[in-house]
Protein backbone atom coordinates (compact mmCIF):
# COMPACT_ATOMS: atom_id res chain seq x y z
CA MET A 1 0.00 0.00 0.00
CA LYS A 2 2.79 2.36 0.94
CA LYS A 3 4.56 1.54 -2.26
CA LYS A 4 1.52 2.53 -4.31
CA MET A 5 1.29 5.85 -2.42
CA ASP A 6 4.95 6.65 -3.20
CA GLU A 7 4.42 5.98 -6.89
CA LYS A 8 1.37 8.22 -6.90
CA LYS A 9 3.34 11.07 -5.25
CA LYS A 10 6.14 10.72 -7.81
CA LYS A 11 3.64 10.87 -10.64
CA ILE A 12 2.02 14.02 -9.20
CA ILE A 13 5.46 15.66 -8.79
CA TYR A 14 6.42 14.71 -12.34
CA ILE A 15 3.22 16.19 -13.78
CA GLY A 16 3.73 19.33 -11.68
CA VAL A 17 7.24 19.82 -13.03
CA ILE A 18 6.00 19.48 -16.59
CA ILE A 19 3.23 22.01 -15.94
CA LEU A 20 5.74 24.45 -14.43
CA LEU A 21 8.06 24.09 -17.45
CA ILE A 22 5.19 24.70 -19.86
CA MET A 23 4.14 27.78 -17.90
CA LEU A 24 7.74 29.05 -17.91
CA ILE A 25 7.98 28.56 -21.68
CA LEU A 26 4.67 30.35 -22.18
CA LEU A 27 5.83 33.25 -20.01
CA VAL A 28 9.07 33.59 -21.99
CA TRP A 29 7.21 33.42 -25.29
CA PHE A 30 4.63 35.93 -24.08
CA TYR A 31 7.39 38.33 -23.01
CA TRP A 32 9.15 37.95 -26.37
CA PHE A 33 5.84 38.38 -28.18
CA LEU A 34 5.05 41.59 -26.33
CA THR A 35 8.50 43.08 -26.87
CA ASN A 36 8.75 42.10 -30.54
CA LYS A 37 5.14 42.32 -31.64
CA GLU A 38 5.49 45.69 -33.35
CA LEU A 39 8.72 44.69 -35.11
CA LYS A 40 7.10 41.50 -36.45
CA VAL A 41 4.02 43.34 -37.60
CA LYS A 42 6.07 45.94 -39.41
CA THR A 43 8.44 43.53 -41.14
CA GLN A 44 5.49 41.35 -42.14
CA ALA A 45 3.79 44.42 -43.59
CA ILE A 46 6.86 45.09 -45.69
CA ASN A 47 7.02 41.51 -46.93
CA ASN A 48 3.35 41.66 -47.90
CA SER A 49 3.90 45.04 -49.64
CA ASN A 50 1.32 46.69 -47.37
CA GLU A 51 3.83 49.35 -46.36
CA THR A 52 7.10 50.67 -47.74
CA ILE A 53 10.35 50.29 -45.85
CA GLU A 54 10.53 54.06 -45.60
CA SER A 55 7.13 54.33 -43.89
CA VAL A 56 7.93 51.48 -41.49
CA LEU A 57 11.16 53.11 -40.38
CA GLU A 58 9.51 56.48 -39.85
CA ASP A 59 9.52 57.72 -36.23
CA LYS A 60 11.61 54.74 -35.05
CA THR A 61 14.74 55.02 -32.99
CA PHE A 62 18.06 54.26 -34.64
CA ASP A 63 18.33 50.86 -32.93
CA GLU A 64 14.78 49.97 -33.94
CA GLN A 65 15.49 50.90 -37.54
CA LYS A 66 18.55 48.65 -37.62
CA SER A 67 16.59 45.80 -36.04
CA ILE A 68 13.80 46.08 -38.64
CA LEU A 69 16.27 46.06 -41.53
CA LEU A 70 18.23 43.12 -40.11
CA GLU A 71 15.02 41.17 -39.46
CA LEU A 72 13.95 41.77 -43.05
CA LEU A 73 17.28 40.63 -44.49
CA ASP A 74 17.52 37.60 -42.20
CA GLY A 75 14.08 36.54 -43.37
CA GLU A 76 15.13 36.71 -47.03
CA ILE A 77 18.38 34.82 -46.32
CA SER A 78 16.54 32.13 -44.39
CA ASN A 79 13.98 31.83 -47.18
CA TYR A 80 16.60 31.19 -49.85
CA LYS A 81 18.61 28.80 -47.67
CA ASN A 82 15.54 26.75 -46.81
CA THR A 83 13.98 26.80 -50.26
CA CYS A 84 17.01 26.30 -52.45
CA VAL A 85 18.59 23.14 -51.02
CA ASP A 86 18.70 20.66 -53.92
CA SER A 87 15.90 22.60 -55.58
CA GLU A 88 15.14 23.29 -59.23
CA ASN A 89 12.86 26.19 -58.27
CA GLU A 90 13.05 29.12 -60.72
CA GLU A 91 13.70 31.45 -57.79
CA CYS A 92 16.84 29.48 -56.89
CA LYS A 93 18.78 30.50 -59.97
CA ASN A 94 21.91 32.43 -59.01
CA VAL A 95 21.13 31.82 -55.32
CA GLU A 96 24.75 32.19 -54.28
CA GLU A 97 24.92 35.65 -55.79
CA LYS A 98 21.60 36.61 -54.15
CA LEU A 99 22.80 35.39 -50.74
CA ALA A 100 26.09 37.26 -51.17
CA LYS A 101 24.19 40.46 -51.96
CA LEU A 102 21.89 40.00 -48.94
CA GLU A 103 24.85 39.33 -46.63
CA SER A 104 26.57 42.42 -48.05
CA LEU A 105 23.50 44.51 -47.24
CA LYS A 106 23.49 43.05 -43.70
CA GLU A 107 27.10 44.16 -43.25
CA LYS A 108 26.13 47.66 -44.32
CA VAL A 109 23.27 47.71 -41.80
CA ASN A 110 25.54 46.46 -38.99
CA SER A 111 28.09 49.14 -39.81
CA LEU A 112 25.55 51.98 -39.54
CA GLU A 113 26.47 54.50 -36.87
CA SER A 114 23.70 57.08 -37.09
CA ALA A 115 20.08 57.50 -38.13
CA GLU A 116 21.20 59.77 -40.97
CA GLU A 117 22.89 56.80 -42.66
CA VAL A 118 19.80 54.60 -42.53
CA SER A 119 17.93 56.24 -45.41
CA ASN A 120 20.56 55.47 -48.06
CA VAL A 121 20.93 51.81 -47.02
CA SER A 122 17.17 51.28 -46.73
CA VAL A 123 16.75 52.48 -50.32
CA LYS A 124 19.33 49.93 -51.51
CA ILE A 125 17.54 47.17 -49.59
CA SER A 126 14.19 48.25 -51.01
CA ASP A 127 15.52 48.28 -54.57
CA TYR A 128 17.09 44.86 -54.23
CA LEU A 129 14.09 43.22 -52.56
CA ASN A 130 11.87 44.70 -55.28
CA SER A 131 14.03 43.03 -57.92
CA LEU A 132 13.55 39.63 -56.24
CA LYS A 133 9.76 39.79 -56.07
CA PRO A 134 7.75 37.92 -58.73
CA VAL A 135 5.32 40.13 -60.61
CA ASP A 136 1.57 39.56 -60.18
CA VAL A 137 0.32 40.08 -63.70
CA GLU A 138 -3.32 40.72 -62.82
CA GLU A 139 -2.44 43.13 -60.02
CA GLU A 140 0.04 44.93 -62.25
CA THR A 141 -2.40 45.25 -65.12
CA GLU A 142 -5.02 46.71 -62.81
CA SER A 143 -2.45 49.10 -61.37
CA SER A 144 -1.31 50.07 -64.85
CA SER A 145 -4.85 50.85 -65.99
CA SER A 146 -5.60 52.91 -62.89
CA SER A 147 -2.31 54.77 -63.04
CA SER A 148 -2.46 55.55 -66.74
CA SER A 149 -5.85 57.16 -66.38
CA SER A 150 -4.57 59.51 -63.69
CA ASN A 151 -0.95 60.08 -64.75
CA LYS A 152 -0.03 59.00 -68.26
CA GLY A 153 3.71 59.54 -67.86
CA ASN A 154 4.06 57.24 -64.86
CA SER A 155 1.64 54.37 -65.48
CA SER A 156 2.84 50.83 -64.82
CA SER A 157 2.73 48.82 -68.04
CA SER A 158 6.04 46.99 -67.89
CA SER A 159 6.32 43.45 -66.59
CA SER A 160 9.41 44.52 -64.67
CA SER A 161 7.60 47.22 -62.68
CA SER A 162 8.22 47.10 -58.92
CA SER A 163 5.53 46.85 -56.23
CA TYR A 164 6.47 50.12 -54.60
CA ALA A 165 8.82 53.03 -55.27
CA PRO A 166 9.97 54.68 -52.03
CA SER A 167 11.41 58.16 -52.22
CA GLY A 168 15.10 57.85 -53.06
CA SER A 169 14.76 54.53 -54.91
CA ILE A 170 16.22 54.28 -58.41
CA GLU A 171 12.66 54.13 -59.75
CA SER A 172 11.69 57.43 -58.17
CA ILE A 173 15.06 58.92 -59.11
CA LEU A 174 14.69 58.01 -62.79
CA ASN A 175 11.09 59.21 -62.85
CA SER A 176 12.18 62.56 -61.37
CA ALA A 177 14.81 63.18 -64.08
CA LYS A 178 14.37 66.07 -66.49
CA LEU A 179 14.41 64.62 -70.00
CA ASN A 180 16.03 65.97 -73.15
CA PRO A 181 15.72 63.29 -75.86
CA THR A 182 18.52 63.41 -78.45
CA LYS A 183 19.46 61.45 -81.56
CA THR A 184 23.01 60.79 -82.66
CA GLY A 185 22.65 62.27 -86.14
CA TYR A 186 24.02 59.09 -87.75
CA PRO A 187 21.07 57.66 -89.74
CA THR A 188 22.00 53.97 -89.50
CA LEU A 189 22.38 54.09 -85.72
CA ASP A 190 19.30 56.26 -85.15
CA ASN A 191 17.22 53.78 -87.15
CA TYR A 192 18.50 50.91 -84.99
CA ALA A 193 17.60 52.84 -81.81
CA THR A 194 14.14 53.73 -83.12
CA SER A 195 13.43 50.09 -83.91
CA VAL A 196 14.39 48.92 -80.41
CA LEU A 197 12.48 51.68 -78.63
CA ASN A 198 9.36 51.06 -80.70
CA SER A 199 9.51 47.36 -79.86
CA VAL A 200 9.92 47.60 -76.06
CA THR A 201 8.59 51.02 -74.96
CA ASN A 202 5.53 53.18 -75.42
CA ASP A 203 4.38 56.66 -74.43
CA SER A 204 2.42 55.42 -71.42
CA MET A 205 5.53 54.04 -69.73
CA SER A 206 7.45 55.92 -67.06
CA THR A 207 11.11 56.81 -67.51
CA TYR A 208 12.06 54.02 -65.10
CA GLU A 209 10.09 51.47 -67.12
CA LYS A 210 11.63 52.62 -70.40
CA VAL A 211 15.18 52.46 -69.06
CA LYS A 212 14.53 49.04 -67.57
CA ALA A 213 13.04 47.83 -70.86
CA VAL A 214 16.06 48.84 -72.96
CA TYR A 215 18.40 47.46 -70.29
CA ASP A 216 16.58 44.13 -70.56
CA TRP A 217 16.65 44.26 -74.37
CA ILE A 218 20.43 44.61 -74.48
CA ILE A 219 20.95 41.74 -72.01
CA ASN A 220 18.51 39.46 -73.81
CA ASN A 221 19.72 40.22 -77.34
CA MET A 222 23.50 40.61 -77.02
CA ASN A 223 26.20 37.93 -76.87
CA TYR A 224 29.64 38.68 -75.51
CA GLN A 225 32.49 38.85 -78.00
CA LEU A 226 35.68 40.87 -77.97
CA GLY A 227 35.14 44.05 -79.96
CA PHE A 228 37.28 46.16 -82.27
CA VAL A 229 37.54 49.69 -83.63
CA ILE A 230 38.44 50.57 -87.20
CA GLY A 231 40.41 53.80 -87.35
CA GLU A 232 39.41 54.73 -90.90
CA GLU A 233 35.71 54.41 -90.09
CA ILE A 234 36.16 56.58 -86.99
CA ASP A 235 37.88 59.23 -89.12
CA ASN A 236 35.04 59.09 -91.65
CA LEU A 237 32.44 59.58 -88.90
CA ILE A 238 34.37 62.58 -87.62
CA ASN A 239 34.77 64.17 -91.04
CA GLN A 240 31.44 63.31 -92.66
CA TYR A 241 29.12 63.71 -89.67
CA GLY A 242 31.03 66.19 -87.51
CA PHE A 243 31.40 64.00 -84.39
CA TYR A 244 34.07 64.54 -81.81
CA GLU A 245 36.49 61.62 -81.65
CA LYS A 246 35.04 59.98 -78.51
CA ASP A 247 31.51 60.36 -79.84
CA ALA A 248 32.54 58.82 -83.18
CA VAL A 249 33.96 55.80 -81.34
CA GLU A 250 30.69 55.35 -79.43
CA VAL A 251 28.69 55.65 -82.65
CA PHE A 252 30.85 52.97 -84.27
CA LEU A 253 30.61 50.62 -81.26
CA ALA A 254 26.84 51.03 -80.89
CA THR A 255 26.19 50.59 -84.61
CA ASN A 256 28.31 47.45 -84.68
CA GLY A 257 26.55 46.07 -81.58
CA PHE A 258 23.04 46.66 -82.93
CA GLY A 259 24.02 45.27 -86.32
CA THR A 260 25.73 42.06 -85.15
CA HIS A 261 24.16 41.51 -81.68
CA ARG A 262 27.70 40.79 -80.48
CA GLY A 263 30.31 42.80 -78.68
CA SER A 264 32.25 43.54 -75.53
CA CYS A 265 31.45 45.87 -72.64
CA ASP A 266 32.31 48.76 -74.99
CA ASN A 267 29.46 47.79 -77.33
CA TYR A 268 26.96 47.10 -74.54
CA SER A 269 27.70 50.48 -72.95
CA ALA A 270 27.60 52.41 -76.23
CA MET A 271 24.22 50.91 -77.08
CA PHE A 272 22.81 51.73 -73.64
CA VAL A 273 24.11 55.31 -73.92
CA VAL A 274 22.43 55.75 -77.31
CA LEU A 275 19.10 54.34 -76.09
CA THR A 276 19.01 56.24 -72.79
CA ARG A 277 19.91 59.51 -74.49
CA ARG A 278 17.03 58.92 -76.89
CA ILE A 279 14.83 58.52 -73.80
CA GLY A 280 16.26 61.85 -72.64
CA LEU A 281 18.80 61.04 -69.92
CA GLU A 282 22.31 62.44 -69.52
CA SER A 283 24.33 59.25 -69.88
CA TYR A 284 28.06 58.72 -70.42
CA PRO A 285 30.37 55.79 -71.23
CA ILE A 286 32.83 55.50 -68.33
CA SER A 287 36.18 53.66 -68.29
CA ALA A 288 37.08 51.44 -65.36
CA ILE A 289 39.74 49.05 -64.08
CA THR A 290 38.52 45.76 -62.62
CA ASN A 291 39.76 44.42 -59.31
CA THR A 292 41.87 41.93 -61.29
CA GLY A 293 43.48 44.70 -63.35
CA GLY A 294 41.47 44.34 -66.56
CA GLY A 295 39.79 47.12 -68.50
CA HIS A 296 36.04 47.67 -68.48
CA THR A 297 33.44 50.16 -69.73
CA THR A 298 30.17 50.92 -67.96
CA VAL A 299 27.54 53.68 -68.13
CA ASN A 300 26.98 56.51 -65.66
CA ILE A 301 23.81 58.58 -65.79
CA LYS A 302 23.67 61.96 -64.08
CA ILE A 303 20.30 62.70 -62.47
CA ASN A 304 19.62 65.78 -60.35
CA GLY A 305 23.36 66.34 -59.87
CA LYS A 306 24.19 62.78 -58.75
CA TRP A 307 25.72 59.82 -60.56
CA TYR A 308 24.11 56.39 -60.99
CA ASN A 309 25.80 53.38 -62.57
CA PHE A 310 24.18 51.01 -65.09
CA ASP A 311 26.15 48.04 -66.39
CA PRO A 312 24.21 45.75 -68.77
CA GLN A 313 27.31 43.77 -69.72
CA ARG A 314 28.16 42.95 -66.09
CA GLU A 315 24.54 41.93 -65.59
CA ASP A 316 24.69 39.86 -68.77
CA ASN A 317 27.80 37.94 -67.73
CA SER A 318 26.39 36.88 -64.35
CA LEU A 319 22.71 36.43 -65.16
CA LYS A 320 22.49 35.42 -68.80
CA ASN A 321 20.84 32.11 -68.00
CA GLY A 322 18.60 33.31 -65.22
CA LYS A 323 16.31 36.03 -64.00
CA ILE A 324 17.67 39.56 -64.28
CA THR A 325 18.05 40.85 -60.71
CA TYR A 326 19.30 44.36 -61.61
CA LEU A 327 22.35 44.22 -59.37
CA ALA A 328 24.04 46.71 -61.70
CA PHE A 329 20.97 48.85 -62.34
CA GLY A 330 21.21 52.27 -60.71
CA GLU A 331 24.17 51.82 -58.35
CA ASP A 332 25.38 55.02 -56.73
CA ASP A 333 28.96 56.00 -55.97
CA ASN A 334 28.78 54.47 -52.48
CA ASP A 335 27.98 50.99 -53.78
CA SER A 336 30.84 48.50 -53.93
CA LYS A 337 31.54 47.40 -57.50
CA PRO A 338 34.04 44.94 -59.02
CA TYR A 339 35.95 47.85 -60.56
CA THR A 340 37.03 51.43 -59.99
CA TYR A 341 36.61 54.33 -62.40
CA VAL A 342 39.75 55.47 -64.17
CA ASN A 343 38.91 59.16 -64.56
CA ARG A 344 35.21 59.92 -64.84
CA ASN A 345 35.77 63.66 -65.19
CA ASN A 346 37.94 63.08 -68.23
CA ASP A 347 35.47 60.60 -69.74
CA VAL A 348 32.61 63.07 -69.28
CA ALA A 349 34.61 65.95 -70.74
CA SER A 350 35.69 63.98 -73.82
CA PHE A 351 32.15 62.81 -74.66
CA HIS A 352 29.89 65.49 -76.17
CA GLY A 353 26.53 63.71 -76.34
CA PHE A 354 26.76 63.42 -80.15
CA GLN A 355 26.92 67.18 -80.63
CA LYS A 356 28.77 68.29 -83.74
CA GLN A 357 32.17 69.94 -83.77
CA PRO A 358 32.39 73.61 -84.76
CA GLU A 359 33.73 74.33 -88.24
CA SER A 360 36.75 76.04 -86.67
CA ASN A 361 38.00 72.59 -85.63
CA TYR A 362 38.48 71.57 -89.26
CA LEU A 363 41.11 72.13 -91.91
CA LYS A 364 39.15 72.86 -95.09
CA ALA A 365 40.34 73.18 -98.66
CA THR A 366 38.94 73.39 -102.18
CA ILE A 367 41.25 71.80 -104.77
CA THR A 368 40.69 72.44 -108.49
CA ILE A 369 42.31 70.29 -111.19
CA GLY A 370 41.37 69.85 -114.85
CA GLY A 371 38.31 72.07 -114.45
CA LYS A 372 36.92 69.97 -111.56
CA SER A 373 36.75 71.28 -107.98
CA TYR A 374 36.68 69.17 -104.79
CA THR A 375 36.00 70.50 -101.29
CA LEU A 376 37.45 68.50 -98.40
CA LYS A 377 37.68 68.98 -94.66
CA THR A 378 39.25 67.13 -91.77
CA ALA A 379 39.62 67.31 -88.01
CA VAL A 380 41.98 64.31 -87.88
CA SER A 381 45.59 63.70 -88.83
CA SER A 382 44.79 62.18 -92.21
CA TYR A 383 41.71 62.19 -94.40
CA THR A 384 41.72 60.83 -97.95
CA TYR A 385 39.15 61.55 -100.64
CA ILE A 386 39.18 59.59 -103.91
CA ALA A 387 37.43 61.50 -106.69
CA PRO A 388 34.66 59.36 -108.20
CA GLU A 389 35.29 60.33 -111.83
CA MET A 390 38.29 60.35 -114.15
CA ILE A 391 39.57 63.65 -115.53
CA GLU A 392 40.94 63.89 -119.06
CA ILE A 393 43.72 66.38 -119.77
CA ASN A 394 45.28 67.12 -123.17
CA TYR A 395 48.95 66.84 -122.23
CA ALA A 396 50.05 68.10 -125.64
CA GLN A 397 48.28 71.44 -125.07
CA THR A 398 48.74 71.69 -121.31
CA PRO A 399 51.89 69.79 -120.30
CA ASN A 400 52.06 71.87 -117.11
CA VAL A 401 48.90 71.06 -115.15
CA VAL A 402 47.89 73.76 -112.69
CA ILE A 403 46.22 72.71 -109.45
CA LYS A 404 44.54 75.55 -107.54
CA VAL A 405 44.20 75.41 -103.74
CA ASP A 406 41.96 77.50 -101.47
CA ALA A 407 42.48 76.49 -97.82
CA SER A 408 41.19 77.72 -94.48
CA GLU A 409 44.72 77.70 -93.06
CA LYS A 410 48.27 78.08 -94.22
CA VAL A 411 49.25 74.63 -95.50
CA LYS A 412 52.27 72.69 -96.64
CA TYR A 413 51.84 70.61 -99.78
CA ALA A 414 53.30 67.60 -101.57
CA THR A 415 52.30 65.76 -104.76
CA THR A 416 52.99 62.39 -106.34
CA SER A 417 51.71 60.18 -109.15
CA HIS A 418 50.93 56.47 -108.90
CA SER A 419 49.49 53.68 -111.02
CA TYR A 420 46.87 52.82 -108.35
CA PRO A 421 45.12 54.92 -105.66
CA THR A 422 47.08 55.10 -102.41
CA ALA A 423 48.02 57.84 -99.98
CA ASN A 424 50.33 55.74 -97.80
CA PHE A 425 53.44 57.78 -98.34
CA VAL A 426 56.03 59.54 -96.26
CA TRP A 427 55.46 62.93 -97.78
CA ASN A 428 58.39 65.00 -98.98
CA ILE A 429 57.03 68.52 -98.56
CA GLU A 430 57.49 70.57 -101.70
CA GLY A 431 56.27 73.98 -100.63
CA THR A 432 53.81 76.14 -98.67
CA ILE A 433 50.53 77.80 -99.63
CA ASP A 434 49.26 80.69 -97.55
CA LYS A 435 45.55 79.82 -97.83
CA THR A 436 45.44 80.44 -101.61
CA GLY A 437 47.95 79.26 -104.19
CA GLU A 438 48.84 76.94 -107.08
CA ILE A 439 50.69 73.67 -107.52
CA MET A 440 52.27 72.79 -110.90
CA ILE A 441 52.53 69.22 -112.30
CA ASN A 442 54.51 68.48 -115.45
CA GLN A 443 53.11 65.73 -117.69
CA SER A 444 54.66 65.13 -121.10
CA VAL A 445 53.50 61.61 -122.04
CA SER A 446 50.18 59.87 -122.54
CA TYR A 447 49.21 57.81 -119.49
CA ILE A 448 46.49 57.19 -116.93
CA LYS A 449 47.76 58.13 -113.48
CA TYR A 450 46.42 58.81 -110.02
CA GLU A 451 47.53 62.27 -109.02
CA ILE A 452 47.72 62.60 -105.24
CA ILE A 453 47.73 66.07 -103.64
CA HIS A 454 48.64 66.22 -99.96
CA LEU A 455 47.93 69.23 -97.73
CA GLU A 456 48.70 69.56 -94.01
CA ASP A 457 48.59 72.42 -91.51
CA ASP A 458 50.63 73.25 -88.42
CA LEU A 459 48.17 71.36 -86.17
CA GLY A 460 48.91 68.10 -87.98
CA ARG A 461 45.58 67.88 -89.78
CA GLY A 462 46.05 66.35 -93.24
CA LEU A 463 44.06 66.13 -96.48
CA ASN A 464 44.75 63.84 -99.43
CA LEU A 465 42.91 64.23 -102.72
CA ILE A 466 43.35 61.33 -105.17
CA VAL A 467 42.25 62.08 -108.73
CA LYS A 468 42.43 59.67 -111.66
CA VAL A 469 43.77 61.60 -114.66
CA ASN A 470 43.92 60.42 -118.25
CA TYR A 471 46.70 62.38 -119.93
CA ARG A 472 46.31 62.00 -123.69
CA ASP A 473 46.61 63.77 -127.03
CA PRO A 474 43.19 63.54 -128.77
CA SER A 475 44.84 64.23 -132.15
CA LYS A 476 46.79 60.95 -132.02
CA PRO A 477 45.40 57.43 -132.51
CA PHE A 478 45.10 55.02 -129.61
CA THR A 479 48.07 52.63 -129.43
CA ILE A 480 49.56 50.08 -127.05
CA ASP A 481 53.22 49.06 -126.76
CA TYR A 482 54.76 45.89 -125.38
CA GLN A 483 57.40 47.15 -122.95
CA GLY A 484 59.32 43.91 -122.35
CA GLY A 485 59.26 41.05 -119.88
CA ASP A 486 61.15 39.64 -116.93
CA ALA A 487 63.66 37.00 -118.15
CA THR A 488 64.56 35.72 -114.68
CA TYR A 489 62.21 32.71 -114.59
CA ASN A 490 61.94 29.84 -117.05
CA ASP A 491 58.36 28.76 -116.31
CA TYR A 492 56.65 32.17 -116.27
CA VAL A 493 57.19 35.78 -117.28
CA TYR A 494 55.64 39.18 -116.54
CA LEU A 495 54.74 41.29 -119.60
CA SER A 496 54.47 45.06 -119.25
CA VAL A 497 52.28 47.01 -121.68
CA ALA A 498 51.82 50.78 -122.10
CA LYS A 499 48.87 52.54 -123.70
CA ARG A 500 48.99 55.80 -125.65
CA ASP A 501 46.17 58.32 -126.13
CA ALA A 502 43.30 56.08 -125.16
CA VAL A 503 39.89 57.41 -124.18
CA GLY A 504 39.50 56.43 -120.56
CA ASP A 505 40.53 53.06 -119.17
CA VAL A 506 41.80 50.22 -121.34
CA SER A 507 40.86 46.55 -120.98
CA PHE A 508 43.35 43.98 -122.26
CA SER A 509 43.15 40.43 -123.57
CA TYR A 510 45.96 38.01 -124.47
CA LYS A 511 46.41 34.88 -126.58
CA VAL A 512 49.24 32.76 -127.92
CA ILE A 513 49.24 32.95 -131.71
CA GLU A 514 52.44 30.98 -132.34
CA THR A 515 54.57 28.43 -130.38
CA ASN A 516 56.66 25.32 -130.90
CA ASP A 517 55.67 23.98 -127.44
CA PRO A 518 53.95 20.55 -127.89
CA LYS A 519 51.23 21.42 -125.38
CA GLY A 520 50.14 24.27 -127.63
CA ALA A 521 48.51 27.62 -126.97
CA ASP A 522 45.78 26.21 -124.76
CA GLY A 523 48.33 25.15 -122.16
CA ILE A 524 49.49 28.72 -121.45
CA VAL A 525 47.91 30.63 -118.52
CA PHE A 526 47.39 34.41 -118.43
CA THR A 527 46.80 36.17 -115.09
CA GLU A 528 46.25 39.93 -114.77
CA GLU A 529 48.21 41.36 -111.87
CA LYS A 530 46.32 42.80 -108.94
CA TYR A 531 48.19 46.07 -108.69
CA SER A 532 48.34 47.25 -112.28
CA THR A 533 45.99 47.12 -115.26
CA TYR A 534 48.91 46.89 -117.68
CA THR A 535 50.83 43.92 -116.35
CA VAL A 536 50.08 40.24 -117.08
CA LYS A 537 51.70 37.06 -115.77
CA VAL A 538 52.19 34.38 -118.46
CA SER A 539 52.62 30.93 -116.86
CA ASN A 540 53.15 27.23 -117.77
CA LEU A 541 56.07 27.99 -120.06
CA ASP A 542 59.39 26.27 -120.80
CA ARG A 543 61.42 29.07 -122.28
CA THR A 544 64.61 27.07 -122.22
CA LYS A 545 63.29 24.90 -125.07
CA TYR A 546 60.44 26.76 -126.75
CA TYR A 547 59.30 30.17 -127.89
CA TYR A 548 55.87 31.82 -127.60
CA VAL A 549 54.35 34.73 -129.54
CA VAL A 550 51.61 36.51 -127.59
CA GLU A 551 49.09 38.86 -129.21
CA ILE A 552 47.98 41.68 -126.90
CA THR A 553 44.69 43.48 -127.62
CA GLY A 554 43.58 46.68 -125.88
CA VAL A 555 40.12 48.28 -126.04
CA ASP A 556 39.50 51.75 -124.58
CA GLU A 557 36.22 53.12 -123.21
CA ALA A 558 35.29 54.60 -126.60
CA GLY A 559 35.62 51.17 -128.23
CA ASN A 560 38.91 51.96 -129.99
CA VAL A 561 41.09 48.88 -130.51
CA ALA A 562 44.87 48.64 -130.52
CA LYS A 563 47.18 45.60 -130.79
CA ASP A 564 50.77 44.59 -130.27
CA THR A 565 52.75 41.34 -130.09
CA ALA A 566 55.39 39.99 -127.73
CA ARG A 567 57.89 37.18 -128.45
CA ILE A 568 58.81 35.22 -125.31
CA GLU A 569 61.90 33.00 -125.29
CA VAL A 570 65.32 32.59 -123.77
CA LYS A 571 67.94 33.55 -126.34
CA SER A 572 71.32 31.87 -126.15
């Protein structure tokens, strides 16, 4: 009996201890609930998009603000860690990068030392959390319709629109920008930009939505490939369209990117600059050095006196196969980036927003030869213009050809003649013209030549005019003359032929009319040389044993025909 009573007492004590522990746990939980109730309510409101981070933080102490931000970030980190373990969930793409960004934001919150610093960090957190939220299509469509009816310029019609835009967020910053839409003035590039903007934007979209749309377009349509710049094309853009040098480079890079859908960071940035300037923003291509020492180009946009960084190529490299999270969309100067700017002030100063250079920056000259005048101008060290037509000059009547020059500056000049158009010479300066003067060329034989006139001023700007001139005597008949061949080789020979007094260019044909070679005339091969109309290579010969008589026929542009023959053999 006593034993049963002892067991009953032990059971009562055991139950009592359990009840006391439960009560203690409930008391602790109740205390925690009371002290943290407001924090939980506020962070939950943020997560449900009932309130903005800015409104939640309002009127809170500095410590409370930090706690709210940390609670918010911890929740996101926990969510990704719990959801993305061995998961194929769409939201788990690039999870490591998302977690690194969230941890980085936590470090910034922990390092805060005053309430004044909270605002900037809370905006960054808001922007990033917005980028992670899936878009509710029905809710967005309803919002778009309501907004467009009340404020056409800021309606939400883009699928990338965020749930809220707190004051100081990149969305509100972009929407507050004063716009001044500008084209480049280069038709090919402006047509590309118009096509893209028409496909992804419309008048009902806000500035933020338009910028985001073109940012997305570049990422989704470009593939990375090392780029290049062609100096001659840059010079042509400068001289024909009036661009400054940096602007001409950007025009070239953007045009190449739109045309090929391939390029490096230079192309991505140039394209984004062109599109955002068409939207009306003050954007600039900015040079940078990566943390590993490599070169990079990004885009800075100046809004209300402050700089914001947009880097579609960096976004493309890290997120090409996943959801765009806009890590490089609207960074400010306080954000840590994988590079440092080289010299933004210099980059900004050298880029002129596709404005044209003043005429005073150019060397200009009008050159008159054979009754034809050509006006050229250049702002670069060398610009070459090849005249589209051929000039005919009667050398018998005017053996001393006068070339007249009217230049905007005092210039030095040099001239030369060549059988094909080239200006790649080391010029031996012949004289000086003080804005207006004459150059004399002596020509005493009938020949087609390219006359090259070189002008340069004291600033190093150079002009080359290349004119094809047919020097001939109209009173004489058209003739051709075999000038001899190279006897060095046994199995082939070069034949040189001269024309006299032809009208325009001469086309030549060749055939073997006599030979003692057993393979006969059909075995001989004629090849016109690349660099001269009047040279032919005759191959498949054995001049040590046989001879060959070649008939040469020339026909000028007026249809006049002239012939000559050449005997090819090795004489003992």
